[in-house]
Amino acid sequence: MRGFRWPPPPDGGPRTWGPGPGGPRTGRPALPEPETELIATPHGVRLERLVTGSGDPVTVFAHGLGNGIATTRPFGSGVTGRKVFFQFRGHGRSDSPPGPWSYLDLARDLRAVADLGGATRAFGASLGAGALCRLLSESPDRFDRLVFFLPAALATRHGEVARRRINDLLDAVAGGDAAALADVVAVELPPAVRNTPAGWAYLRQRLDQLLRDGLAPGLAGLPDQVPLDGPGPLAAVTAPALVIGCAGDDLHPVGVAEELAAALPDATLHVYDRPGVLWSERADLRERIAGFLNG
């Protein structure tokens, strides 16, 4: 990646490689990647994990499809106690067992990481929110507090946009062409951010990770899955929950967030008026998540 020059560095952004004055002045929203570990799970799938912070309580963070630890860490920046981040099967250095995979498999990954880390609180983003719903349908009292960020599906398939996005990502990763992959990853950024130092830093970090670790082809079938047959089982969940949605997000229809909040007995719903909130509403999002989990 040291010779990678796409897109051109924005004014004021990185123009030389390595640390120093030529480096990006901000890497938001992704944080630098510390060393992770591979852990064995009771269901035989080794998963990549990162533990930060100290003390209790412990919160587990579940990422979205095609993402991972680096893109999930900002959500925990204001959360107290220990924070456990991990990669679902098929992501990063985690195992890729024979497929096809379902939300039941993802729920097993999430449960194993939560149990091994002693987590009492849980955060799920997009795909991770669906895995959390599936886990709760079987163990409604597993966690004391819950955050669902941009749930993508509950009991109805909304997979066409997600299917196209993950297939484009898998094809670009398999091809190993940094420029082609950058075209796909850049869609994750709001247009106003793409030509900024922060957007450049995010793009480089995502490409470094994807080209280093890859993505498993088995992920392609997940957009056709749903976490639950119906929202009924979530009625047994008594833990306070925060559900966060965004208007205008094709990958994460706001109706899914509304349906999930209605299904949970003690849920608070917050809907932002535009997508890209990790960039445009970072401070508010951080305070909202941390304030809820730390309460």
C-alpha atoms as a PDB file:
ATOM      1  CA  MET A   1       0.000   0.000   0.000  1.00  0.00           C
ATOM      2  CA  ARG A   2       2.961   2.388   0.216  1.00  0.00           C
ATOM      3  CA  GLY A   3       2.722   3.120  -3.495  1.00  0.00           C
ATOM      4  CA  PHE A   4      -1.003   3.643  -3.442  1.00  0.00           C
ATOM      5  CA  ARG A   5      -2.030   7.028  -4.816  1.00  0.00           C
ATOM      6  CA  TRP A   6      -5.799   6.910  -5.303  1.00  0.00           C
ATOM      7  CA  PRO A   7      -7.651   9.192  -4.845  1.00  0.00           C
ATOM      8  CA  PRO A   8      -5.253  12.152  -4.878  1.00  0.00           C
ATOM      9  CA  PRO A   9      -4.555  13.418  -1.348  1.00  0.00           C
ATOM     10  CA  PRO A  10      -6.862  16.350  -0.536  1.00  0.00           C
ATOM     11  CA  ASP A  11      -5.419  19.758   0.222  1.00  0.00           C
ATOM     12  CA  GLY A  12      -3.971  19.670   3.705  1.00  0.00           C
ATOM     13  CA  GLY A  13      -4.084  15.880   3.757  1.00  0.00           C
ATOM     14  CA  PRO A  14      -1.352  13.249   3.660  1.00  0.00           C
ATOM     15  CA  ARG A  15       1.192  13.751   0.885  1.00  0.00           C
ATOM     16  CA  THR A  16       3.961  11.512   2.198  1.00  0.00           C
ATOM     17  CA  TRP A  17       3.873   8.020   3.657  1.00  0.00           C
ATOM     18  CA  GLY A  18       4.460   7.102   7.262  1.00  0.00           C
ATOM     19  CA  PRO A  19       4.209   9.182  10.437  1.00  0.00           C
ATOM     20  CA  GLY A  20       5.195  12.813  10.595  1.00  0.00           C
ATOM     21  CA  PRO A  21       3.919  16.148   9.343  1.00  0.00           C
ATOM     22  CA  GLY A  22       2.727  14.609   6.074  1.00  0.00           C
ATOM     23  CA  GLY A  23       0.324  12.261   7.893  1.00  0.00           C
ATOM     24  CA  PRO A  24      -3.394  12.921   8.102  1.00  0.00           C
ATOM     25  CA  ARG A  25      -4.329  15.407  10.786  1.00  0.00           C
ATOM     26  CA  THR A  26      -7.344  13.346  11.723  1.00  0.00           C
ATOM     27  CA  GLY A  27      -8.224   9.714  11.284  1.00  0.00           C
ATOM     28  CA  ARG A  28     -11.867   9.960  12.252  1.00  0.00           C
ATOM     29  CA  PRO A  29     -14.008   7.989  12.512  1.00  0.00           C
ATOM     30  CA  ALA A  30     -11.757   4.916  12.480  1.00  0.00           C
ATOM     31  CA  LEU A  31      -9.106   4.607  15.180  1.00  0.00           C
ATOM     32  CA  PRO A  32      -5.605   3.155  14.762  1.00  0.00           C
ATOM     33  CA  GLU A  33      -5.615  -0.606  14.943  1.00  0.00           C
ATOM     34  CA  PRO A  34      -3.891  -2.085  18.004  1.00  0.00           C
ATOM     35  CA  GLU A  35      -2.792  -5.687  18.193  1.00  0.00           C
ATOM     36  CA  THR A  36      -5.649  -8.167  18.420  1.00  0.00           C
ATOM     37  CA  GLU A  37      -5.848 -11.812  19.478  1.00  0.00           C
ATOM     38  CA  LEU A  38      -7.535 -14.961  18.198  1.00  0.00           C
ATOM     39  CA  ILE A  39      -9.751 -16.698  20.742  1.00  0.00           C
ATOM     40  CA  ALA A  40     -11.223 -20.198  20.692  1.00  0.00           C
ATOM     41  CA  THR A  41     -14.992 -20.485  21.113  1.00  0.00           C
ATOM     42  CA  PRO A  42     -17.170 -23.366  22.346  1.00  0.00           C
ATOM     43  CA  HIS A  43     -18.629 -23.798  18.844  1.00  0.00           C
ATOM     44  CA  GLY A  44     -15.192 -24.290  17.302  1.00  0.00           C
ATOM     45  CA  VAL A  45     -14.815 -21.016  15.396  1.00  0.00           C
ATOM     46  CA  ARG A  46     -11.784 -18.897  16.273  1.00  0.00           C
ATOM     47  CA  LEU A  47     -12.638 -15.210  16.390  1.00  0.00           C
ATOM     48  CA  GLU A  48     -10.468 -12.123  16.337  1.00  0.00           C
ATOM     49  CA  ARG A  49     -10.896  -9.999  19.477  1.00  0.00           C
ATOM     50  CA  LEU A  50      -9.715  -6.741  20.980  1.00  0.00           C
ATOM     51  CA  VAL A  51     -10.292  -5.765  24.622  1.00  0.00           C
ATOM     52  CA  THR A  52      -9.813  -2.168  25.750  1.00  0.00           C
ATOM     53  CA  GLY A  53     -10.514  -0.282  28.962  1.00  0.00           C
ATOM     54  CA  SER A  54     -10.672  -1.776  32.433  1.00  0.00           C
ATOM     55  CA  GLY A  55     -13.078  -2.662  35.174  1.00  0.00           C
ATOM     56  CA  ASP A  56     -16.801  -3.281  35.097  1.00  0.00           C
ATOM     57  CA  PRO A  57     -19.234  -3.240  33.432  1.00  0.00           C
ATOM     58  CA  VAL A  58     -18.190  -4.989  30.233  1.00  0.00           C
ATOM     59  CA  THR A  59     -19.726  -4.099  26.866  1.00  0.00           C
ATOM     60  CA  VAL A  60     -19.479  -6.207  23.711  1.00  0.00           C
ATOM     61  CA  PHE A  61     -19.577  -4.454  20.319  1.00  0.00           C
ATOM     62  CA  ALA A  62     -20.825  -6.250  17.191  1.00  0.00           C
ATOM     63  CA  HIS A  63     -19.973  -4.757  13.788  1.00  0.00           C
ATOM     64  CA  GLY A  64     -21.756  -4.504  10.454  1.00  0.00           C
ATOM     65  CA  LEU A  65     -21.410  -6.575   7.284  1.00  0.00           C
ATOM     66  CA  GLY A  66     -18.002  -6.140   5.674  1.00  0.00           C
ATOM     67  CA  ASN A  67     -16.761  -3.969   8.551  1.00  0.00           C
ATOM     68  CA  GLY A  68     -14.961  -4.884  11.749  1.00  0.00           C
ATOM     69  CA  ILE A  69     -13.160  -3.805  14.881  1.00  0.00           C
ATOM     70  CA  ALA A  70     -11.677  -0.571  13.536  1.00  0.00           C
ATOM     71  CA  THR A  71     -14.994   0.829  12.347  1.00  0.00           C
ATOM     72  CA  THR A  72     -16.799  -0.222  15.545  1.00  0.00           C
ATOM     73  CA  ARG A  73     -14.346   1.191  18.075  1.00  0.00           C
ATOM     74  CA  PRO A  74     -15.533   4.824  17.777  1.00  0.00           C
ATOM     75  CA  PHE A  75     -18.919   3.805  19.196  1.00  0.00           C
ATOM     76  CA  GLY A  76     -17.244   2.864  22.473  1.00  0.00           C
ATOM     77  CA  SER A  77     -15.073   5.950  22.866  1.00  0.00           C
ATOM     78  CA  GLY A  78     -17.112   7.364  25.758  1.00  0.00           C
ATOM     79  CA  VAL A  79     -18.272   4.080  27.287  1.00  0.00           C
ATOM     80  CA  THR A  80     -16.916   3.199  30.738  1.00  0.00           C
ATOM     81  CA  GLY A  81     -15.536  -0.160  31.818  1.00  0.00           C
ATOM     82  CA  ARG A  82     -14.054  -2.846  29.587  1.00  0.00           C
ATOM     83  CA  LYS A  83     -14.984  -2.907  25.914  1.00  0.00           C
ATOM     84  CA  VAL A  84     -14.828  -6.086  23.861  1.00  0.00           C
ATOM     85  CA  PHE A  85     -14.633  -5.737  20.075  1.00  0.00           C
ATOM     86  CA  PHE A  86     -14.489  -8.683  17.706  1.00  0.00           C
ATOM     87  CA  GLN A  87     -14.771  -9.813  14.099  1.00  0.00           C
ATOM     88  CA  PHE A  88     -17.632 -12.056  13.039  1.00  0.00           C
ATOM     89  CA  ARG A  89     -16.762 -15.183  11.063  1.00  0.00           C
ATOM     90  CA  GLY A  90     -15.519 -14.360   7.591  1.00  0.00           C
ATOM     91  CA  HIS A  91     -14.141 -10.970   8.636  1.00  0.00           C
ATOM     92  CA  GLY A  92     -10.568 -10.035   9.489  1.00  0.00           C
ATOM     93  CA  ARG A  93      -8.556 -12.884  10.967  1.00  0.00           C
ATOM     94  CA  SER A  94     -11.599 -14.764  12.249  1.00  0.00           C
ATOM     95  CA  ASP A  95     -12.243 -18.254  10.902  1.00  0.00           C
ATOM     96  CA  SER A  96     -14.422 -18.881   7.861  1.00  0.00           C
ATOM     97  CA  PRO A  97     -16.108 -22.244   8.495  1.00  0.00           C
ATOM     98  CA  PRO A  98     -18.036 -23.965   5.681  1.00  0.00           C
ATOM     99  CA  GLY A  99     -21.305 -22.201   4.871  1.00  0.00           C
ATOM    100  CA  PRO A 100     -23.936 -21.191   4.217  1.00  0.00           C
ATOM    101  CA  TRP A 101     -24.137 -18.970   7.293  1.00  0.00           C
ATOM    102  CA  SER A 102     -27.199 -17.583   9.047  1.00  0.00           C
ATOM    103  CA  TYR A 103     -28.010 -15.134  11.829  1.00  0.00           C
ATOM    104  CA  LEU A 104     -28.003 -18.136  14.160  1.00  0.00           C
ATOM    105  CA  ASP A 105     -24.306 -18.598  13.373  1.00  0.00           C
ATOM    106  CA  LEU A 106     -23.647 -14.902  13.953  1.00  0.00           C
ATOM    107  CA  ALA A 107     -25.551 -15.031  17.246  1.00  0.00           C
ATOM    108  CA  ARG A 108     -23.332 -17.915  18.346  1.00  0.00           C
ATOM    109  CA  ASP A 109     -20.241 -15.838  17.548  1.00  0.00           C
ATOM    110  CA  LEU A 110     -21.620 -12.903  19.517  1.00  0.00           C
ATOM    111  CA  ARG A 111     -22.708 -15.049  22.468  1.00  0.00           C
ATOM    112  CA  ALA A 112     -19.317 -16.750  22.691  1.00  0.00           C
ATOM    113  CA  VAL A 113     -17.428 -13.453  22.726  1.00  0.00           C
ATOM    114  CA  ALA A 114     -19.854 -11.972  25.278  1.00  0.00           C
ATOM    115  CA  ASP A 115     -19.670 -15.010  27.546  1.00  0.00           C
ATOM    116  CA  LEU A 116     -15.892 -15.298  27.398  1.00  0.00           C
ATOM    117  CA  GLY A 117     -15.531 -11.594  28.142  1.00  0.00           C
ATOM    118  CA  GLY A 118     -18.190 -11.448  30.857  1.00  0.00           C
ATOM    119  CA  ALA A 119     -20.167  -8.792  28.969  1.00  0.00           C
ATOM    120  CA  THR A 120     -23.353  -7.477  30.574  1.00  0.00           C
ATOM    121  CA  ARG A 121     -24.087  -4.812  27.950  1.00  0.00           C
ATOM    122  CA  ALA A 122     -24.221  -5.089  24.174  1.00  0.00           C
ATOM    123  CA  PHE A 123     -23.993  -2.825  21.143  1.00  0.00           C
ATOM    124  CA  GLY A 124     -24.887  -4.012  17.659  1.00  0.00           C
ATOM    125  CA  ALA A 125     -24.472  -2.096  14.391  1.00  0.00           C
ATOM    126  CA  SER A 126     -26.371  -3.137  11.249  1.00  0.00           C
ATOM    127  CA  LEU A 127     -25.574  -6.855  10.823  1.00  0.00           C
ATOM    128  CA  GLY A 128     -24.439  -6.907  14.447  1.00  0.00           C
ATOM    129  CA  ALA A 129     -27.813  -5.530  15.520  1.00  0.00           C
ATOM    130  CA  GLY A 130     -29.492  -8.426  13.728  1.00  0.00           C
ATOM    131  CA  ALA A 131     -27.194 -10.946  15.411  1.00  0.00           C
ATOM    132  CA  LEU A 132     -28.006  -9.350  18.751  1.00  0.00           C
ATOM    133  CA  CYS A 133     -31.740  -9.663  18.054  1.00  0.00           C
ATOM    134  CA  ARG A 134     -31.313 -13.350  17.255  1.00  0.00           C
ATOM    135  CA  LEU A 135     -29.349 -13.934  20.450  1.00  0.00           C
ATOM    136  CA  LEU A 136     -32.003 -12.131  22.505  1.00  0.00           C
ATOM    137  CA  SER A 137     -34.792 -14.188  20.959  1.00  0.00           C
ATOM    138  CA  GLU A 138     -33.208 -17.221  22.619  1.00  0.00           C
ATOM    139  CA  SER A 139     -31.834 -15.531  25.771  1.00  0.00           C
ATOM    140  CA  PRO A 140     -33.938 -12.410  26.395  1.00  0.00           C
ATOM    141  CA  ASP A 141     -32.313 -11.680  29.755  1.00  0.00           C
ATOM    142  CA  ARG A 142     -28.694 -12.066  28.607  1.00  0.00           C
ATOM    143  CA  PHE A 143     -27.797  -8.340  28.834  1.00  0.00           C
ATOM    144  CA  ASP A 144     -28.609  -5.441  31.160  1.00  0.00           C
ATOM    145  CA  ARG A 145     -28.482  -2.694  28.517  1.00  0.00           C
ATOM    146  CA  LEU A 146     -28.707  -2.754  24.732  1.00  0.00           C
ATOM    147  CA  VAL A 147     -27.899  -0.405  21.851  1.00  0.00           C
ATOM    148  CA  PHE A 148     -28.967  -1.077  18.271  1.00  0.00           C
ATOM    149  CA  PHE A 149     -27.363   1.204  15.690  1.00  0.00           C
ATOM    150  CA  LEU A 150     -28.870   1.271  12.196  1.00  0.00           C
ATOM    151  CA  PRO A 151     -30.525  -2.163  12.231  1.00  0.00           C
ATOM    152  CA  ALA A 152     -30.722  -3.426   8.648  1.00  0.00           C
ATOM    153  CA  ALA A 153     -33.300  -6.213   8.960  1.00  0.00           C
ATOM    154  CA  LEU A 154     -35.564  -7.794  11.551  1.00  0.00           C
ATOM    155  CA  ALA A 155     -38.240 -10.116  10.168  1.00  0.00           C
ATOM    156  CA  THR A 156     -38.461  -8.761   6.610  1.00  0.00           C
ATOM    157  CA  ARG A 157     -35.763  -8.953   3.947  1.00  0.00           C
ATOM    158  CA  HIS A 158     -34.345  -5.651   2.774  1.00  0.00           C
ATOM    159  CA  GLY A 159     -31.379  -7.229   1.065  1.00  0.00           C
ATOM    160  CA  GLU A 160     -31.150  -5.891  -2.489  1.00  0.00           C
ATOM    161  CA  VAL A 161     -28.989  -2.847  -1.733  1.00  0.00           C
ATOM    162  CA  ALA A 162     -26.921  -4.755   0.830  1.00  0.00           C
ATOM    163  CA  ARG A 163     -26.508  -7.691  -1.548  1.00  0.00           C
ATOM    164  CA  ARG A 164     -25.191  -5.422  -4.289  1.00  0.00           C
ATOM    165  CA  ARG A 165     -22.850  -3.653  -1.876  1.00  0.00           C
ATOM    166  CA  ILE A 166     -21.330  -6.808  -0.373  1.00  0.00           C
ATOM    167  CA  ASN A 167     -20.922  -8.436  -3.806  1.00  0.00           C
ATOM    168  CA  ASP A 168     -19.111  -5.353  -5.108  1.00  0.00           C
ATOM    169  CA  LEU A 169     -16.906  -5.378  -2.021  1.00  0.00           C
ATOM    170  CA  LEU A 170     -16.136  -9.102  -2.299  1.00  0.00           C
ATOM    171  CA  ASP A 171     -15.297  -8.786  -6.000  1.00  0.00           C
ATOM    172  CA  ALA A 172     -12.981  -5.835  -5.373  1.00  0.00           C
ATOM    173  CA  VAL A 173     -11.222  -7.579  -2.481  1.00  0.00           C
ATOM    174  CA  ALA A 174     -10.791 -10.768  -4.501  1.00  0.00           C
ATOM    175  CA  GLY A 175      -9.344  -8.781  -7.402  1.00  0.00           C
ATOM    176  CA  GLY A 176      -6.745  -7.173  -5.151  1.00  0.00           C
ATOM    177  CA  ASP A 177      -6.954  -3.871  -7.049  1.00  0.00           C
ATOM    178  CA  ALA A 178      -6.635  -1.041  -4.543  1.00  0.00           C
ATOM    179  CA  ALA A 179      -8.172   1.550  -6.858  1.00  0.00           C
ATOM    180  CA  ALA A 180     -11.207  -0.621  -7.626  1.00  0.00           C
ATOM    181  CA  LEU A 181     -11.630  -1.384  -3.940  1.00  0.00           C
ATOM    182  CA  ALA A 182     -11.357   2.298  -3.085  1.00  0.00           C
ATOM    183  CA  ASP A 183     -14.237   3.020  -5.483  1.00  0.00           C
ATOM    184  CA  VAL A 184     -16.422   0.597  -3.524  1.00  0.00           C
ATOM    185  CA  VAL A 185     -15.325   1.654  -0.032  1.00  0.00           C
ATOM    186  CA  ALA A 186     -15.694   5.362  -0.838  1.00  0.00           C
ATOM    187  CA  VAL A 187     -19.468   4.822  -1.015  1.00  0.00           C
ATOM    188  CA  GLU A 188     -19.378   4.386   2.777  1.00  0.00           C
ATOM    189  CA  LEU A 189     -18.361   8.029   3.135  1.00  0.00           C
ATOM    190  CA  PRO A 190     -20.765  10.974   2.895  1.00  0.00           C
ATOM    191  CA  PRO A 191     -19.935  13.002  -0.250  1.00  0.00           C
ATOM    192  CA  ALA A 192     -18.882  16.009   1.852  1.00  0.00           C
ATOM    193  CA  VAL A 193     -16.236  13.890   3.613  1.00  0.00           C
ATOM    194  CA  ARG A 194     -14.670  12.067   0.671  1.00  0.00           C
ATOM    195  CA  ASN A 195     -12.181  14.789  -0.268  1.00  0.00           C
ATOM    196  CA  THR A 196     -11.069  15.639   3.255  1.00  0.00           C
ATOM    197  CA  PRO A 197      -8.080  14.456   5.300  1.00  0.00           C
ATOM    198  CA  ALA A 198     -10.454  12.497   7.559  1.00  0.00           C
ATOM    199  CA  GLY A 199     -12.039  10.729   4.604  1.00  0.00           C
ATOM    200  CA  TRP A 200      -8.654   9.962   3.102  1.00  0.00           C
ATOM    201  CA  ALA A 201      -7.393   8.494   6.396  1.00  0.00           C
ATOM    202  CA  TYR A 202     -10.524   6.362   6.786  1.00  0.00           C
ATOM    203  CA  LEU A 203     -10.272   5.107   3.206  1.00  0.00           C
ATOM    204  CA  ARG A 204      -6.617   4.144   3.548  1.00  0.00           C
ATOM    205  CA  GLN A 205      -7.242   2.307   6.819  1.00  0.00           C
ATOM    206  CA  ARG A 206     -10.182   0.369   5.390  1.00  0.00           C
ATOM    207  CA  LEU A 207      -8.198  -0.606   2.305  1.00  0.00           C
ATOM    208  CA  ASP A 208      -5.160  -1.642   4.329  1.00  0.00           C
ATOM    209  CA  GLN A 209      -7.310  -3.965   6.444  1.00  0.00           C
ATOM    210  CA  LEU A 210      -9.364  -5.415   3.588  1.00  0.00           C
ATOM    211  CA  LEU A 211      -6.391  -6.082   1.326  1.00  0.00           C
ATOM    212  CA  ARG A 212      -4.444  -7.605   4.228  1.00  0.00           C
ATOM    213  CA  ASP A 213      -7.150  -9.825   5.740  1.00  0.00           C
ATOM    214  CA  GLY A 214      -9.752 -10.147   2.969  1.00  0.00           C
ATOM    215  CA  LEU A 215     -13.413 -11.078   3.297  1.00  0.00           C
ATOM    216  CA  ALA A 216     -14.919 -14.556   3.037  1.00  0.00           C
ATOM    217  CA  PRO A 217     -17.184 -15.293   0.034  1.00  0.00           C
ATOM    218  CA  GLY A 218     -19.652 -16.871   2.488  1.00  0.00           C
ATOM    219  CA  LEU A 219     -20.733 -13.371   3.514  1.00  0.00           C
ATOM    220  CA  ALA A 220     -22.539 -12.932   0.192  1.00  0.00           C
ATOM    221  CA  GLY A 221     -25.572 -14.894   1.378  1.00  0.00           C
ATOM    222  CA  LEU A 222     -26.229 -12.930   4.565  1.00  0.00           C
ATOM    223  CA  PRO A 223     -28.284 -10.089   2.987  1.00  0.00           C
ATOM    224  CA  ASP A 224     -30.857 -12.739   2.005  1.00  0.00           C
ATOM    225  CA  GLN A 225     -31.248 -13.828   5.641  1.00  0.00           C
ATOM    226  CA  VAL A 226     -33.408 -12.337   8.389  1.00  0.00           C
ATOM    227  CA  PRO A 227     -32.635 -12.429  12.110  1.00  0.00           C
ATOM    228  CA  LEU A 228     -36.131 -13.516  13.175  1.00  0.00           C
ATOM    229  CA  ASP A 229     -39.299 -15.003  11.717  1.00  0.00           C
ATOM    230  CA  GLY A 230     -41.231 -12.332  13.577  1.00  0.00           C
ATOM    231  CA  PRO A 231     -40.605  -9.744  16.304  1.00  0.00           C
ATOM    232  CA  GLY A 232     -42.662 -11.611  18.913  1.00  0.00           C
ATOM    233  CA  PRO A 233     -39.755 -13.204  20.840  1.00  0.00           C
ATOM    234  CA  LEU A 234     -38.333  -9.746  21.624  1.00  0.00           C
ATOM    235  CA  ALA A 235     -41.339  -9.036  23.862  1.00  0.00           C
ATOM    236  CA  ALA A 236     -39.545 -11.017  26.587  1.00  0.00           C
ATOM    237  CA  VAL A 237     -36.564  -8.637  26.590  1.00  0.00           C
ATOM    238  CA  THR A 238     -36.828  -6.409  29.667  1.00  0.00           C
ATOM    239  CA  ALA A 239     -33.454  -4.639  29.450  1.00  0.00           C
ATOM    240  CA  PRO A 240     -33.530  -0.944  28.540  1.00  0.00           C
ATOM    241  CA  ALA A 241     -32.665  -0.496  24.868  1.00  0.00           C
ATOM    242  CA  LEU A 242     -31.632   2.404  22.656  1.00  0.00           C
ATOM    243  CA  VAL A 243     -32.483   2.052  18.961  1.00  0.00           C
ATOM    244  CA  ILE A 244     -30.847   4.500  16.541  1.00  0.00           C
ATOM    245  CA  GLY A 245     -31.991   4.955  12.952  1.00  0.00           C
ATOM    246  CA  CYS A 246     -31.404   7.402  10.107  1.00  0.00           C
ATOM    247  CA  ALA A 247     -33.796   8.784   7.544  1.00  0.00           C
ATOM    248  CA  GLY A 248     -32.652   8.375   3.955  1.00  0.00           C
ATOM    249  CA  ASP A 249     -30.355   5.389   4.536  1.00  0.00           C
ATOM    250  CA  ASP A 250     -31.001   2.776   1.834  1.00  0.00           C
ATOM    251  CA  LEU A 251     -28.953   0.103   3.584  1.00  0.00           C
ATOM    252  CA  HIS A 252     -30.711   0.618   6.907  1.00  0.00           C
ATOM    253  CA  PRO A 253     -34.382   1.545   6.333  1.00  0.00           C
ATOM    254  CA  VAL A 254     -35.715   3.683   9.144  1.00  0.00           C
ATOM    255  CA  GLY A 255     -38.781   1.416   9.267  1.00  0.00           C
ATOM    256  CA  VAL A 256     -36.589  -1.399  10.623  1.00  0.00           C
ATOM    257  CA  ALA A 257     -35.467   0.776  13.540  1.00  0.00           C
ATOM    258  CA  GLU A 258     -39.087   1.737  14.220  1.00  0.00           C
ATOM    259  CA  GLU A 259     -40.217  -1.904  14.090  1.00  0.00           C
ATOM    260  CA  LEU A 260     -37.449  -2.987  16.438  1.00  0.00           C
ATOM    261  CA  ALA A 261     -38.184  -0.212  18.939  1.00  0.00           C
ATOM    262  CA  ALA A 262     -41.859  -1.158  18.923  1.00  0.00           C
ATOM    263  CA  ALA A 263     -41.016  -4.813  19.554  1.00  0.00           C
ATOM    264  CA  LEU A 264     -38.808  -4.147  22.598  1.00  0.00           C
ATOM    265  CA  PRO A 265     -40.762  -3.418  25.802  1.00  0.00           C
ATOM    266  CA  ASP A 266     -38.345  -0.791  27.171  1.00  0.00           C
ATOM    267  CA  ALA A 267     -36.898   0.890  24.085  1.00  0.00           C
ATOM    268  CA  THR A 268     -36.030   4.479  23.261  1.00  0.00           C
ATOM    269  CA  LEU A 269     -35.975   5.331  19.552  1.00  0.00           C
ATOM    270  CA  HIS A 270     -33.873   8.130  18.117  1.00  0.00           C
ATOM    271  CA  VAL A 271     -33.933   8.871  14.382  1.00  0.00           C
ATOM    272  CA  TYR A 272     -31.406  11.225  12.785  1.00  0.00           C
ATOM    273  CA  ASP A 273     -32.662  13.227   9.832  1.00  0.00           C
ATOM    274  CA  ARG A 274     -29.855  12.205   7.461  1.00  0.00           C
ATOM    275  CA  PRO A 275     -27.378   9.338   7.016  1.00  0.00           C
ATOM    276  CA  GLY A 276     -23.643   9.482   7.715  1.00  0.00           C
ATOM    277  CA  VAL A 277     -24.148  10.343  11.393  1.00  0.00           C
ATOM    278  CA  LEU A 278     -20.797   8.918  12.474  1.00  0.00           C
ATOM    279  CA  TRP A 279     -19.346  11.849  10.557  1.00  0.00           C
ATOM    280  CA  SER A 280     -21.972  14.586  10.745  1.00  0.00           C
ATOM    281  CA  GLU A 281     -23.289  13.916  14.276  1.00  0.00           C
ATOM    282  CA  ARG A 282     -20.260  12.351  15.890  1.00  0.00           C
ATOM    283  CA  ALA A 283     -20.347  14.264  19.189  1.00  0.00           C
ATOM    284  CA  ASP A 284     -24.091  13.815  19.656  1.00  0.00           C
ATOM    285  CA  LEU A 285     -23.898  10.118  18.761  1.00  0.00           C
ATOM    286  CA  ARG A 286     -21.019   9.540  21.169  1.00  0.00           C
ATOM    287  CA  GLU A 287     -22.814  11.297  24.023  1.00  0.00           C
ATOM    288  CA  ARG A 288     -26.073   9.508  23.286  1.00  0.00           C
ATOM    289  CA  ILE A 289     -24.550   6.013  23.264  1.00  0.00           C
ATOM    290  CA  ALA A 290     -22.202   6.582  26.190  1.00  0.00           C
ATOM    291  CA  GLY A 291     -24.866   8.328  28.248  1.00  0.00           C
ATOM    292  CA  PHE A 292     -27.268   5.444  27.743  1.00  0.00           C
ATOM    293  CA  LEU A 293     -24.781   2.613  28.389  1.00  0.00           C
ATOM    294  CA  ASN A 294     -23.185   4.379  31.346  1.00  0.00           C
ATOM    295  CA  GLY A 295     -26.532   5.189  32.943  1.00  0.00           C
END
